[in-house]
Amino acid sequence: MTTYAILLTGDESTWESASEEDRSAMYAKHGEFARLLEERGHKITGGAELTHSRTAKVVRRSGDATTVTDGPYAETVEQLTGFYVVETDDLDDLLEVVGILAEGWAAEVRQAVDHSGGPA
């Protein structure tokens, strides 16, 4: 099986101002997403909803100096809001199921590097 990261992006201010009904509907989509993945033979091996990007810390290193700053890495309206890690043998089907979560937002699907055979 191949491992993929599904990176979910969105406008955090929209989520913060969403009604309880809208939030429940989005969580229901995630439940449907998980159900369909399992039903179609995909396997979720990890994932999480992330806190608001204003709580992020950006760490940079230059020589012997480490600098830590507040805030997201990128100053954009859309931020990384969550992720799933999924194992599958059928990328095309996985992309179809990811479409459930991409309605009105964007989702990026990227293959993880397989180091099981040793260093590259």
N, C-alpha and C. Protein backbone atom coordinates (compact mmCIF):
# COMPACT_ATOMS: atom_id res chain seq x y z
N MET A 1 0.84 -1.19 0.00
CA MET A 1 0.00 0.00 0.00
C MET A 1 0.88 1.25 0.00
N THR A 2 0.38 2.27 -0.58
CA THR A 2 1.09 3.55 -0.63
C THR A 2 0.45 4.49 0.38
N THR A 3 1.28 5.31 1.03
CA THR A 3 0.80 6.26 2.03
C THR A 3 0.69 7.65 1.42
N TYR A 4 -0.42 8.31 1.69
CA TYR A 4 -0.68 9.67 1.22
C TYR A 4 -1.06 10.56 2.39
N ALA A 5 -0.63 11.82 2.32
CA ALA A 5 -1.09 12.84 3.25
C ALA A 5 -2.16 13.65 2.52
N ILE A 6 -3.25 13.86 3.19
CA ILE A 6 -4.33 14.70 2.65
C ILE A 6 -4.31 15.96 3.50
N LEU A 7 -3.91 17.07 2.88
CA LEU A 7 -3.76 18.34 3.58
C LEU A 7 -4.99 19.20 3.30
N LEU A 8 -5.67 19.60 4.36
CA LEU A 8 -6.91 20.36 4.23
C LEU A 8 -6.63 21.82 4.52
N THR A 9 -7.09 22.69 3.64
CA THR A 9 -6.90 24.12 3.82
C THR A 9 -8.25 24.81 3.90
N GLY A 10 -8.24 25.98 4.49
CA GLY A 10 -9.47 26.75 4.57
C GLY A 10 -9.24 28.11 5.16
N ASP A 11 -10.27 28.93 5.11
CA ASP A 11 -10.26 30.27 5.70
C ASP A 11 -10.68 30.13 7.16
N GLU A 12 -9.72 30.31 8.06
CA GLU A 12 -9.98 30.09 9.48
C GLU A 12 -11.04 31.04 10.04
N SER A 13 -11.15 32.24 9.50
CA SER A 13 -12.16 33.19 10.00
C SER A 13 -13.56 32.69 9.68
N THR A 14 -13.72 32.02 8.54
CA THR A 14 -15.02 31.45 8.19
C THR A 14 -15.41 30.37 9.19
N TRP A 15 -14.44 29.53 9.56
CA TRP A 15 -14.71 28.46 10.53
C TRP A 15 -15.03 29.06 11.90
N GLU A 16 -14.28 30.07 12.31
CA GLU A 16 -14.53 30.69 13.63
C GLU A 16 -15.91 31.32 13.72
N SER A 17 -16.41 31.85 12.61
CA SER A 17 -17.72 32.50 12.64
C SER A 17 -18.86 31.57 12.24
N ALA A 18 -18.54 30.32 11.96
CA ALA A 18 -19.57 29.35 11.53
C ALA A 18 -20.54 29.05 12.67
N SER A 19 -21.78 28.84 12.31
CA SER A 19 -22.80 28.46 13.29
C SER A 19 -22.54 27.03 13.75
N GLU A 20 -23.15 26.66 14.86
CA GLU A 20 -23.02 25.29 15.36
C GLU A 20 -23.58 24.31 14.33
N GLU A 21 -24.62 24.72 13.64
CA GLU A 21 -25.23 23.88 12.60
C GLU A 21 -24.24 23.66 11.44
N ASP A 22 -23.56 24.73 11.02
CA ASP A 22 -22.57 24.60 9.94
C ASP A 22 -21.39 23.74 10.36
N ARG A 23 -20.96 23.90 11.60
CA ARG A 23 -19.85 23.08 12.10
C ARG A 23 -20.26 21.60 12.15
N SER A 24 -21.46 21.35 12.63
CA SER A 24 -21.95 19.96 12.69
C SER A 24 -22.02 19.34 11.30
N ALA A 25 -22.45 20.14 10.33
CA ALA A 25 -22.53 19.63 8.95
C ALA A 25 -21.13 19.29 8.43
N MET A 26 -20.13 20.10 8.75
CA MET A 26 -18.77 19.82 8.30
C MET A 26 -18.23 18.56 8.99
N TYR A 27 -18.47 18.43 10.29
CA TYR A 27 -18.02 17.22 10.98
C TYR A 27 -18.72 15.98 10.42
N ALA A 28 -19.97 16.13 10.00
CA ALA A 28 -20.69 15.01 9.37
C ALA A 28 -20.02 14.62 8.05
N LYS A 29 -19.53 15.62 7.29
CA LYS A 29 -18.80 15.31 6.05
C LYS A 29 -17.55 14.50 6.36
N HIS A 30 -16.86 14.86 7.44
CA HIS A 30 -15.67 14.10 7.81
C HIS A 30 -16.04 12.67 8.21
N GLY A 31 -17.16 12.51 8.88
CA GLY A 31 -17.63 11.17 9.23
C GLY A 31 -17.95 10.36 7.99
N GLU A 32 -18.61 10.98 7.01
CA GLU A 32 -18.93 10.32 5.75
C GLU A 32 -17.65 9.97 4.99
N PHE A 33 -16.68 10.89 5.00
CA PHE A 33 -15.38 10.66 4.38
C PHE A 33 -14.72 9.42 4.97
N ALA A 34 -14.66 9.34 6.29
CA ALA A 34 -14.03 8.20 6.96
C ALA A 34 -14.78 6.90 6.66
N ARG A 35 -16.10 6.97 6.66
CA ARG A 35 -16.91 5.78 6.37
C ARG A 35 -16.64 5.27 4.96
N LEU A 36 -16.62 6.18 3.99
CA LEU A 36 -16.38 5.78 2.60
C LEU A 36 -14.97 5.24 2.40
N LEU A 37 -13.99 5.85 3.06
CA LEU A 37 -12.63 5.33 2.94
C LEU A 37 -12.58 3.87 3.40
N GLU A 38 -13.15 3.61 4.56
CA GLU A 38 -13.13 2.24 5.09
C GLU A 38 -13.89 1.29 4.17
N GLU A 39 -15.06 1.73 3.72
CA GLU A 39 -15.91 0.91 2.86
C GLU A 39 -15.21 0.55 1.55
N ARG A 40 -14.37 1.45 1.05
CA ARG A 40 -13.70 1.26 -0.24
C ARG A 40 -12.29 0.68 -0.11
N GLY A 41 -11.89 0.31 1.10
CA GLY A 41 -10.62 -0.37 1.29
C GLY A 41 -9.42 0.51 1.57
N HIS A 42 -9.64 1.79 1.80
CA HIS A 42 -8.56 2.69 2.18
C HIS A 42 -8.42 2.62 3.71
N LYS A 43 -7.26 2.98 4.21
CA LYS A 43 -7.04 2.89 5.66
C LYS A 43 -6.48 4.21 6.20
N ILE A 44 -7.24 4.87 7.10
CA ILE A 44 -6.74 6.07 7.77
C ILE A 44 -5.78 5.62 8.86
N THR A 45 -4.55 6.12 8.81
CA THR A 45 -3.56 5.76 9.83
C THR A 45 -3.19 6.93 10.73
N GLY A 46 -3.71 8.11 10.45
CA GLY A 46 -3.43 9.27 11.29
C GLY A 46 -4.17 10.48 10.78
N GLY A 47 -4.08 11.55 11.56
CA GLY A 47 -4.70 12.79 11.16
C GLY A 47 -5.14 13.60 12.37
N ALA A 48 -5.45 14.87 12.13
CA ALA A 48 -5.90 15.73 13.21
C ALA A 48 -6.44 17.03 12.64
N GLU A 49 -7.37 17.63 13.39
CA GLU A 49 -7.77 19.01 13.14
C GLU A 49 -6.73 19.87 13.85
N LEU A 50 -6.28 20.93 13.20
CA LEU A 50 -5.25 21.77 13.78
C LEU A 50 -5.85 23.01 14.43
N THR A 51 -5.17 23.52 15.45
CA THR A 51 -5.61 24.77 16.08
C THR A 51 -5.40 25.92 15.11
N HIS A 52 -5.95 27.07 15.43
CA HIS A 52 -5.84 28.25 14.58
C HIS A 52 -4.37 28.58 14.33
N SER A 53 -4.07 29.06 13.13
CA SER A 53 -2.67 29.34 12.76
C SER A 53 -2.04 30.42 13.64
N ARG A 54 -2.85 31.24 14.31
CA ARG A 54 -2.27 32.27 15.19
C ARG A 54 -1.52 31.63 16.38
N THR A 55 -1.77 30.34 16.64
CA THR A 55 -1.06 29.65 17.72
C THR A 55 0.22 28.99 17.24
N ALA A 56 0.49 29.09 15.93
CA ALA A 56 1.67 28.43 15.35
C ALA A 56 2.96 29.11 15.79
N LYS A 57 4.00 28.34 15.80
CA LYS A 57 5.37 28.83 16.01
C LYS A 57 6.18 28.44 14.79
N VAL A 58 6.94 29.35 14.26
CA VAL A 58 7.80 29.09 13.11
C VAL A 58 9.24 29.08 13.60
N VAL A 59 9.92 27.98 13.34
CA VAL A 59 11.30 27.80 13.81
C VAL A 59 12.23 27.84 12.60
N ARG A 60 13.25 28.67 12.70
CA ARG A 60 14.27 28.76 11.64
C ARG A 60 15.65 28.63 12.28
N ARG A 61 16.57 28.05 11.54
CA ARG A 61 17.93 27.88 12.05
C ARG A 61 18.91 28.42 11.02
N SER A 62 19.86 29.18 11.50
CA SER A 62 20.93 29.71 10.65
C SER A 62 22.22 29.60 11.44
N GLY A 63 23.10 28.72 11.00
CA GLY A 63 24.34 28.50 11.74
C GLY A 63 24.03 27.94 13.11
N ASP A 64 24.47 28.62 14.16
CA ASP A 64 24.22 28.18 15.53
C ASP A 64 22.99 28.83 16.15
N ALA A 65 22.34 29.72 15.42
CA ALA A 65 21.21 30.48 15.98
C ALA A 65 19.87 29.89 15.54
N THR A 66 19.00 29.69 16.52
CA THR A 66 17.63 29.26 16.26
C THR A 66 16.71 30.42 16.59
N THR A 67 15.82 30.75 15.65
CA THR A 67 14.87 31.84 15.85
C THR A 67 13.47 31.25 15.84
N VAL A 68 12.65 31.67 16.79
CA VAL A 68 11.26 31.24 16.87
C VAL A 68 10.38 32.48 16.77
N THR A 69 9.43 32.47 15.83
CA THR A 69 8.50 33.58 15.69
C THR A 69 7.07 33.06 15.82
N ASP A 70 6.16 33.96 16.15
CA ASP A 70 4.74 33.61 16.27
C ASP A 70 4.06 33.68 14.91
N GLY A 71 3.01 32.91 14.79
CA GLY A 71 2.17 33.00 13.61
C GLY A 71 2.48 31.94 12.58
N PRO A 72 1.65 31.90 11.56
CA PRO A 72 1.82 30.87 10.53
C PRO A 72 3.04 31.14 9.67
N TYR A 73 3.50 30.10 9.01
CA TYR A 73 4.63 30.19 8.09
C TYR A 73 4.29 31.11 6.93
N ALA A 74 3.09 30.98 6.39
CA ALA A 74 2.67 31.78 5.23
C ALA A 74 1.58 32.75 5.65
N GLU A 75 1.70 33.98 5.24
CA GLU A 75 0.68 35.00 5.51
C GLU A 75 -0.34 34.98 4.38
N THR A 76 -1.32 34.10 4.49
CA THR A 76 -2.36 33.97 3.48
C THR A 76 -3.70 33.83 4.17
N VAL A 77 -4.77 34.02 3.42
CA VAL A 77 -6.12 33.85 3.98
C VAL A 77 -6.36 32.39 4.29
N GLU A 78 -5.99 31.50 3.37
CA GLU A 78 -6.18 30.07 3.59
C GLU A 78 -4.97 29.50 4.31
N GLN A 79 -5.23 28.71 5.32
CA GLN A 79 -4.19 28.07 6.11
C GLN A 79 -4.44 26.56 6.16
N LEU A 80 -3.42 25.82 6.54
CA LEU A 80 -3.57 24.39 6.77
C LEU A 80 -4.43 24.22 8.02
N THR A 81 -5.56 23.53 7.89
CA THR A 81 -6.50 23.41 9.01
C THR A 81 -6.56 21.98 9.58
N GLY A 82 -6.03 21.03 8.83
CA GLY A 82 -6.05 19.66 9.31
C GLY A 82 -5.45 18.74 8.28
N PHE A 83 -5.33 17.47 8.64
CA PHE A 83 -4.73 16.51 7.73
C PHE A 83 -5.18 15.10 8.08
N TYR A 84 -5.10 14.24 7.09
CA TYR A 84 -5.28 12.80 7.26
C TYR A 84 -4.06 12.12 6.68
N VAL A 85 -3.72 10.95 7.20
CA VAL A 85 -2.73 10.08 6.59
C VAL A 85 -3.48 8.81 6.22
N VAL A 86 -3.42 8.46 4.94
CA VAL A 86 -4.22 7.35 4.42
C VAL A 86 -3.33 6.40 3.62
N GLU A 87 -3.51 5.12 3.84
CA GLU A 87 -2.85 4.09 3.03
C GLU A 87 -3.86 3.55 2.03
N THR A 88 -3.43 3.41 0.79
CA THR A 88 -4.33 2.90 -0.25
C THR A 88 -3.54 2.34 -1.41
N ASP A 89 -4.21 1.49 -2.17
CA ASP A 89 -3.67 0.99 -3.43
C ASP A 89 -4.40 1.62 -4.61
N ASP A 90 -5.35 2.52 -4.35
CA ASP A 90 -6.18 3.08 -5.42
C ASP A 90 -6.25 4.60 -5.28
N LEU A 91 -5.24 5.28 -5.84
CA LEU A 91 -5.19 6.74 -5.74
C LEU A 91 -6.39 7.39 -6.40
N ASP A 92 -6.80 6.90 -7.56
CA ASP A 92 -7.94 7.52 -8.25
C ASP A 92 -9.19 7.51 -7.38
N ASP A 93 -9.46 6.40 -6.72
CA ASP A 93 -10.63 6.32 -5.85
C ASP A 93 -10.45 7.22 -4.63
N LEU A 94 -9.25 7.25 -4.08
CA LEU A 94 -8.97 8.13 -2.94
C LEU A 94 -9.27 9.58 -3.31
N LEU A 95 -8.83 10.01 -4.47
CA LEU A 95 -9.07 11.39 -4.91
C LEU A 95 -10.56 11.68 -5.04
N GLU A 96 -11.30 10.69 -5.50
CA GLU A 96 -12.75 10.86 -5.61
C GLU A 96 -13.38 11.07 -4.23
N VAL A 97 -12.96 10.28 -3.26
CA VAL A 97 -13.52 10.39 -1.90
C VAL A 97 -13.08 11.71 -1.26
N VAL A 98 -11.86 12.15 -1.50
CA VAL A 98 -11.37 13.43 -0.95
C VAL A 98 -12.25 14.58 -1.43
N GLY A 99 -12.84 14.43 -2.60
CA GLY A 99 -13.74 15.46 -3.11
C GLY A 99 -14.85 15.83 -2.15
N ILE A 100 -15.25 14.92 -1.29
CA ILE A 100 -16.27 15.20 -0.28
C ILE A 100 -15.82 16.35 0.62
N LEU A 101 -14.54 16.36 0.99
CA LEU A 101 -14.02 17.38 1.90
C LEU A 101 -13.58 18.64 1.16
N ALA A 102 -13.42 18.58 -0.14
CA ALA A 102 -12.90 19.71 -0.91
C ALA A 102 -13.99 20.66 -1.39
N GLU A 103 -15.23 20.36 -1.08
CA GLU A 103 -16.33 21.22 -1.52
C GLU A 103 -16.22 22.59 -0.86
N GLY A 104 -15.97 23.62 -1.66
CA GLY A 104 -15.85 24.98 -1.14
C GLY A 104 -14.48 25.28 -0.56
N TRP A 105 -13.61 24.30 -0.47
CA TRP A 105 -12.27 24.47 0.08
C TRP A 105 -11.30 23.81 -0.89
N ALA A 106 -10.10 23.59 -0.43
CA ALA A 106 -9.12 22.86 -1.23
C ALA A 106 -8.50 21.77 -0.38
N ALA A 107 -8.16 20.69 -1.01
CA ALA A 107 -7.45 19.60 -0.34
C ALA A 107 -6.29 19.20 -1.24
N GLU A 108 -5.13 19.04 -0.64
CA GLU A 108 -3.95 18.61 -1.38
C GLU A 108 -3.63 17.19 -0.97
N VAL A 109 -3.40 16.33 -1.95
CA VAL A 109 -3.06 14.94 -1.69
C VAL A 109 -1.63 14.73 -2.18
N ARG A 110 -0.77 14.28 -1.25
CA ARG A 110 0.64 14.07 -1.60
C ARG A 110 1.10 12.72 -1.10
N GLN A 111 1.85 12.03 -1.95
CA GLN A 111 2.40 10.73 -1.57
C GLN A 111 3.54 10.93 -0.59
N ALA A 112 3.58 10.10 0.43
CA ALA A 112 4.68 10.12 1.39
C ALA A 112 5.86 9.34 0.81
N VAL A 113 7.06 9.76 1.14
CA VAL A 113 8.26 9.07 0.70
C VAL A 113 8.39 7.78 1.50
N ASP A 114 8.64 6.69 0.80
CA ASP A 114 8.78 5.38 1.45
C ASP A 114 10.26 5.11 1.70
N HIS A 115 10.65 5.12 2.96
CA HIS A 115 12.03 4.83 3.34
C HIS A 115 12.19 3.42 3.90
N SER A 116 11.20 2.56 3.70
CA SER A 116 11.26 1.22 4.28
C SER A 116 12.39 0.39 3.70
N GLY A 117 12.86 0.75 2.53
CA GLY A 117 13.97 0.02 1.91
C GLY A 117 15.33 0.57 2.30
N GLY A 118 15.36 1.52 3.23
CA GLY A 118 16.63 2.11 3.66
C GLY A 118 16.76 3.52 3.11
N PRO A 119 17.88 4.15 3.40
CA PRO A 119 18.09 5.53 2.94
C PRO A 119 18.07 5.62 1.42
N ALA A 120 17.58 6.76 0.95
CA ALA A 120 17.50 6.97 -0.51
C ALA A 120 18.87 7.27 -1.08
